[in-house]
Amino acid sequence: MFRKLRDLYKEYKPYVRVDLIMYASLILMIILYFIISTVL
């Protein structure tokens, strides 16, 4: 079970990393947008 999960994780590691970077940048953009809209 765990070996299977580890293999899947190794297989999809780059895709997962790209997804995390995309989601993090999206959240940062939304937070920045809220800050700018409240300041202006």
Protein backbone atom coordinates (compact mmCIF):
# COMPACT_ATOMS: atom_id res chain seq x y z
CA MET A 1 0.00 0.00 0.00
CA PHE A 2 2.59 2.56 1.13
CA ARG A 3 5.03 1.45 -1.55
CA LYS A 4 2.34 1.99 -4.18
CA LEU A 5 1.59 5.45 -2.79
CA ARG A 6 5.30 6.30 -2.74
CA ASP A 7 5.70 5.22 -6.36
CA LEU A 8 2.68 7.31 -7.35
CA TYR A 9 4.13 10.26 -5.44
CA LYS A 10 7.49 9.90 -7.17
CA GLU A 11 5.72 9.64 -10.53
CA TYR A 12 3.60 12.76 -10.03
CA LYS A 13 6.07 14.82 -7.97
CA PRO A 14 6.88 17.42 -10.68
CA TYR A 15 3.21 17.90 -11.58
CA VAL A 16 2.29 18.31 -7.90
CA ARG A 17 5.05 20.88 -7.44
CA VAL A 18 3.87 22.88 -10.45
CA ASP A 19 0.28 22.76 -9.17
CA LEU A 20 1.37 24.01 -5.73
CA ILE A 21 3.36 26.87 -7.28
CA MET A 22 0.38 27.84 -9.45
CA TYR A 23 -2.04 27.76 -6.51
CA ALA A 24 0.35 29.73 -4.28
CA SER A 25 0.85 32.44 -6.91
CA LEU A 26 -2.92 32.62 -7.50
CA ILE A 27 -3.60 33.09 -3.77
CA LEU A 28 -0.85 35.73 -3.54
CA MET A 29 -2.35 37.61 -6.49
CA ILE A 30 -5.81 37.55 -4.85
CA ILE A 31 -4.41 38.82 -1.53
CA LEU A 32 -2.47 41.57 -3.31
CA TYR A 33 -5.61 42.52 -5.24
CA PHE A 34 -7.61 42.84 -2.01
CA ILE A 35 -4.88 44.93 -0.35
CA ILE A 36 -4.60 47.27 -3.37
CA SER A 37 -8.38 47.61 -3.71
CA THR A 38 -8.76 48.52 -0.02
CA VAL A 39 -5.88 51.03 -0.11
CA LEU A 40 -7.00 52.80 -3.28
